[in-house]
Amino acid sequence: MQEGEWLYAIARTYGVSPDAIIAANNLQPPYTVYPGQKLIIPTP
């Protein structure tokens, strides 16, 4: 796994951009997402 790979996979799964998920969740660089973390997924 590379940095950010999880976030991009989540975005692709839900048909939204990674930037939309980042903005909806106020994530800060390096945009780390942890197992079990709850994210807001914006409507595509």
PDB file of N, CA and C in Angstrom:
ATOM      1  N   MET A   1       0.838  -1.187   0.000  1.00  0.00           N
ATOM      2  CA  MET A   1       0.000   0.000   0.000  1.00  0.00           C
ATOM      3  C   MET A   1       0.877   1.243   0.000  1.00  0.00           C
ATOM      4  N   GLN A   2       0.472   2.211  -0.774  1.00  0.00           N
ATOM      5  CA  GLN A   2       1.184   3.476  -0.801  1.00  0.00           C
ATOM      6  C   GLN A   2       0.311   4.534  -0.150  1.00  0.00           C
ATOM      7  N   GLU A   3       0.967   5.629   0.242  1.00  0.00           N
ATOM      8  CA  GLU A   3       0.260   6.725   0.890  1.00  0.00           C
ATOM      9  C   GLU A   3      -0.907   7.174   0.020  1.00  0.00           C
ATOM     10  N   GLY A   4      -2.088   7.272   0.633  1.00  0.00           N
ATOM     11  CA  GLY A   4      -3.268   7.746  -0.064  1.00  0.00           C
ATOM     12  C   GLY A   4      -4.032   6.680  -0.835  1.00  0.00           C
ATOM     13  N   GLU A   5      -3.470   5.487  -0.962  1.00  0.00           N
ATOM     14  CA  GLU A   5      -4.107   4.452  -1.778  1.00  0.00           C
ATOM     15  C   GLU A   5      -5.489   4.074  -1.249  1.00  0.00           C
ATOM     16  N   TRP A   6      -5.630   3.960   0.054  1.00  0.00           N
ATOM     17  CA  TRP A   6      -6.934   3.622   0.630  1.00  0.00           C
ATOM     18  C   TRP A   6      -7.978   4.669   0.290  1.00  0.00           C
ATOM     19  N   LEU A   7      -7.615   5.932   0.422  1.00  0.00           N
ATOM     20  CA  LEU A   7      -8.557   7.011   0.158  1.00  0.00           C
ATOM     21  C   LEU A   7      -9.026   6.972  -1.294  1.00  0.00           C
ATOM     22  N   TYR A   8      -8.113   6.742  -2.210  1.00  0.00           N
ATOM     23  CA  TYR A   8      -8.486   6.674  -3.621  1.00  0.00           C
ATOM     24  C   TYR A   8      -9.381   5.475  -3.903  1.00  0.00           C
ATOM     25  N   ALA A   9      -9.120   4.349  -3.243  1.00  0.00           N
ATOM     26  CA  ALA A   9      -9.958   3.160  -3.422  1.00  0.00           C
ATOM     27  C   ALA A   9     -11.368   3.409  -2.898  1.00  0.00           C
ATOM     28  N   ILE A  10     -11.485   4.068  -1.760  1.00  0.00           N
ATOM     29  CA  ILE A  10     -12.796   4.393  -1.190  1.00  0.00           C
ATOM     30  C   ILE A  10     -13.547   5.323  -2.137  1.00  0.00           C
ATOM     31  N   ALA A  11     -12.875   6.339  -2.634  1.00  0.00           N
ATOM     32  CA  ALA A  11     -13.505   7.289  -3.554  1.00  0.00           C
ATOM     33  C   ALA A  11     -14.000   6.580  -4.812  1.00  0.00           C
ATOM     34  N   ARG A  12     -13.187   5.714  -5.370  1.00  0.00           N
ATOM     35  CA  ARG A  12     -13.549   4.980  -6.584  1.00  0.00           C
ATOM     36  C   ARG A  12     -14.762   4.079  -6.315  1.00  0.00           C
ATOM     37  N   THR A  13     -14.784   3.429  -5.158  1.00  0.00           N
ATOM     38  CA  THR A  13     -15.891   2.540  -4.803  1.00  0.00           C
ATOM     39  C   THR A  13     -17.222   3.283  -4.772  1.00  0.00           C
ATOM     40  N   TYR A  14     -17.209   4.514  -4.256  1.00  0.00           N
ATOM     41  CA  TYR A  14     -18.446   5.274  -4.099  1.00  0.00           C
ATOM     42  C   TYR A  14     -18.702   6.261  -5.227  1.00  0.00           C
ATOM     43  N   GLY A  15     -17.813   6.316  -6.218  1.00  0.00           N
ATOM     44  CA  GLY A  15     -18.023   7.177  -7.376  1.00  0.00           C
ATOM     45  C   GLY A  15     -17.896   8.657  -7.082  1.00  0.00           C
ATOM     46  N   VAL A  16     -17.052   8.992  -6.114  1.00  0.00           N
ATOM     47  CA  VAL A  16     -16.801  10.400  -5.789  1.00  0.00           C
ATOM     48  C   VAL A  16     -15.305  10.663  -5.904  1.00  0.00           C
ATOM     49  N   SER A  17     -14.933  11.924  -5.896  1.00  0.00           N
ATOM     50  CA  SER A  17     -13.510  12.248  -5.980  1.00  0.00           C
ATOM     51  C   SER A  17     -12.871  12.165  -4.595  1.00  0.00           C
ATOM     52  N   PRO A  18     -11.590  11.838  -4.555  1.00  0.00           N
ATOM     53  CA  PRO A  18     -10.890  11.863  -3.271  1.00  0.00           C
ATOM     54  C   PRO A  18     -10.975  13.241  -2.623  1.00  0.00           C
ATOM     55  N   ASP A  19     -10.917  14.298  -3.433  1.00  0.00           N
ATOM     56  CA  ASP A  19     -11.000  15.654  -2.884  1.00  0.00           C
ATOM     57  C   ASP A  19     -12.332  15.896  -2.183  1.00  0.00           C
ATOM     58  N   ALA A  20     -13.411  15.312  -2.702  1.00  0.00           N
ATOM     59  CA  ALA A  20     -14.724  15.468  -2.067  1.00  0.00           C
ATOM     60  C   ALA A  20     -14.741  14.809  -0.689  1.00  0.00           C
ATOM     61  N   ILE A  21     -14.135  13.637  -0.577  1.00  0.00           N
ATOM     62  CA  ILE A  21     -14.064  12.954   0.721  1.00  0.00           C
ATOM     63  C   ILE A  21     -13.173  13.733   1.677  1.00  0.00           C
ATOM     64  N   ILE A  22     -12.053  14.221   1.181  1.00  0.00           N
ATOM     65  CA  ILE A  22     -11.139  15.018   2.007  1.00  0.00           C
ATOM     66  C   ILE A  22     -11.860  16.240   2.560  1.00  0.00           C
ATOM     67  N   ALA A  23     -12.586  16.956   1.704  1.00  0.00           N
ATOM     68  CA  ALA A  23     -13.290  18.169   2.133  1.00  0.00           C
ATOM     69  C   ALA A  23     -14.417  17.847   3.111  1.00  0.00           C
ATOM     70  N   ALA A  24     -15.196  16.802   2.840  1.00  0.00           N
ATOM     71  CA  ALA A  24     -16.336  16.454   3.692  1.00  0.00           C
ATOM     72  C   ALA A  24     -15.907  16.036   5.093  1.00  0.00           C
ATOM     73  N   ASN A  25     -14.676  15.533   5.208  1.00  0.00           N
ATOM     74  CA  ASN A  25     -14.197  15.023   6.491  1.00  0.00           C
ATOM     75  C   ASN A  25     -13.108  15.884   7.116  1.00  0.00           C
ATOM     76  N   ASN A  26     -12.825  17.030   6.512  1.00  0.00           N
ATOM     77  CA  ASN A  26     -11.790  17.940   7.014  1.00  0.00           C
ATOM     78  C   ASN A  26     -10.474  17.216   7.272  1.00  0.00           C
ATOM     79  N   LEU A  27     -10.099  16.310   6.361  1.00  0.00           N
ATOM     80  CA  LEU A  27      -8.845  15.574   6.503  1.00  0.00           C
ATOM     81  C   LEU A  27      -7.673  16.490   6.174  1.00  0.00           C
ATOM     82  N   GLN A  28      -6.580  16.282   6.876  1.00  0.00           N
ATOM     83  CA  GLN A  28      -5.366  17.069   6.669  1.00  0.00           C
ATOM     84  C   GLN A  28      -4.271  16.158   6.120  1.00  0.00           C
ATOM     85  N   PRO A  29      -3.350  16.727   5.346  1.00  0.00           N
ATOM     86  CA  PRO A  29      -2.244  15.913   4.833  1.00  0.00           C
ATOM     87  C   PRO A  29      -1.544  15.213   5.990  1.00  0.00           C
ATOM     88  N   PRO A  30      -1.162  13.993   5.820  1.00  0.00           N
ATOM     89  CA  PRO A  30      -1.099  13.189   4.594  1.00  0.00           C
ATOM     90  C   PRO A  30      -2.372  12.399   4.298  1.00  0.00           C
ATOM     91  N   TYR A  31      -3.532  12.848   4.777  1.00  0.00           N
ATOM     92  CA  TYR A  31      -4.823  12.226   4.470  1.00  0.00           C
ATOM     93  C   TYR A  31      -4.869  10.758   4.874  1.00  0.00           C
ATOM     94  N   THR A  32      -4.397  10.479   6.066  1.00  0.00           N
ATOM     95  CA  THR A  32      -4.378   9.113   6.573  1.00  0.00           C
ATOM     96  C   THR A  32      -5.786   8.690   6.978  1.00  0.00           C
ATOM     97  N   VAL A  33      -6.186   7.511   6.522  1.00  0.00           N
ATOM     98  CA  VAL A  33      -7.468   6.918   6.896  1.00  0.00           C
ATOM     99  C   VAL A  33      -7.151   5.601   7.591  1.00  0.00           C
ATOM    100  N   TYR A  34      -7.748   5.395   8.750  1.00  0.00           N
ATOM    101  CA  TYR A  34      -7.454   4.220   9.567  1.00  0.00           C
ATOM    102  C   TYR A  34      -8.576   3.193   9.490  1.00  0.00           C
ATOM    103  N   PRO A  35      -8.256   1.907   9.642  1.00  0.00           N
ATOM    104  CA  PRO A  35      -9.300   0.882   9.684  1.00  0.00           C
ATOM    105  C   PRO A  35     -10.304   1.201  10.789  1.00  0.00           C
ATOM    106  N   GLY A  36     -11.578   1.112  10.464  1.00  0.00           N
ATOM    107  CA  GLY A  36     -12.632   1.387  11.428  1.00  0.00           C
ATOM    108  C   GLY A  36     -13.036   2.846  11.519  1.00  0.00           C
ATOM    109  N   GLN A  37     -12.268   3.728  10.885  1.00  0.00           N
ATOM    110  CA  GLN A  37     -12.594   5.154  10.906  1.00  0.00           C
ATOM    111  C   GLN A  37     -13.858   5.388  10.090  1.00  0.00           C
ATOM    112  N   LYS A  38     -14.774   6.190  10.615  1.00  0.00           N
ATOM    113  CA  LYS A  38     -16.008   6.509   9.903  1.00  0.00           C
ATOM    114  C   LYS A  38     -15.785   7.765   9.075  1.00  0.00           C
ATOM    115  N   LEU A  39     -16.189   7.695   7.825  1.00  0.00           N
ATOM    116  CA  LEU A  39     -16.038   8.819   6.912  1.00  0.00           C
ATOM    117  C   LEU A  39     -17.396   9.249   6.388  1.00  0.00           C
ATOM    118  N   ILE A  40     -17.527  10.535   6.144  1.00  0.00           N
ATOM    119  CA  ILE A  40     -18.690  11.061   5.444  1.00  0.00           C
ATOM    120  C   ILE A  40     -18.399  10.905   3.958  1.00  0.00           C
ATOM    121  N   ILE A  41     -19.297  10.234   3.237  1.00  0.00           N
ATOM    122  CA  ILE A  41     -19.149  10.070   1.796  1.00  0.00           C
ATOM    123  C   ILE A  41     -20.186  10.973   1.131  1.00  0.00           C
ATOM    124  N   PRO A  42     -19.729  12.028   0.435  1.00  0.00           N
ATOM    125  CA  PRO A  42     -20.676  12.934  -0.214  1.00  0.00           C
ATOM    126  C   PRO A  42     -21.437  12.237  -1.346  1.00  0.00           C
ATOM    127  N   THR A  43     -22.589  12.765  -1.674  1.00  0.00           N
ATOM    128  CA  THR A  43     -23.373  12.244  -2.784  1.00  0.00           C
ATOM    129  C   THR A  43     -22.670  12.566  -4.096  1.00  0.00           C
ATOM    130  N   PRO A  44     -22.534  11.558  -4.983  1.00  0.00           N
ATOM    131  CA  PRO A  44     -21.860  11.836  -6.272  1.00  0.00           C
ATOM    132  C   PRO A  44     -22.661  12.769  -7.152  1.00  0.00           C
TER     133      PRO A  44
END
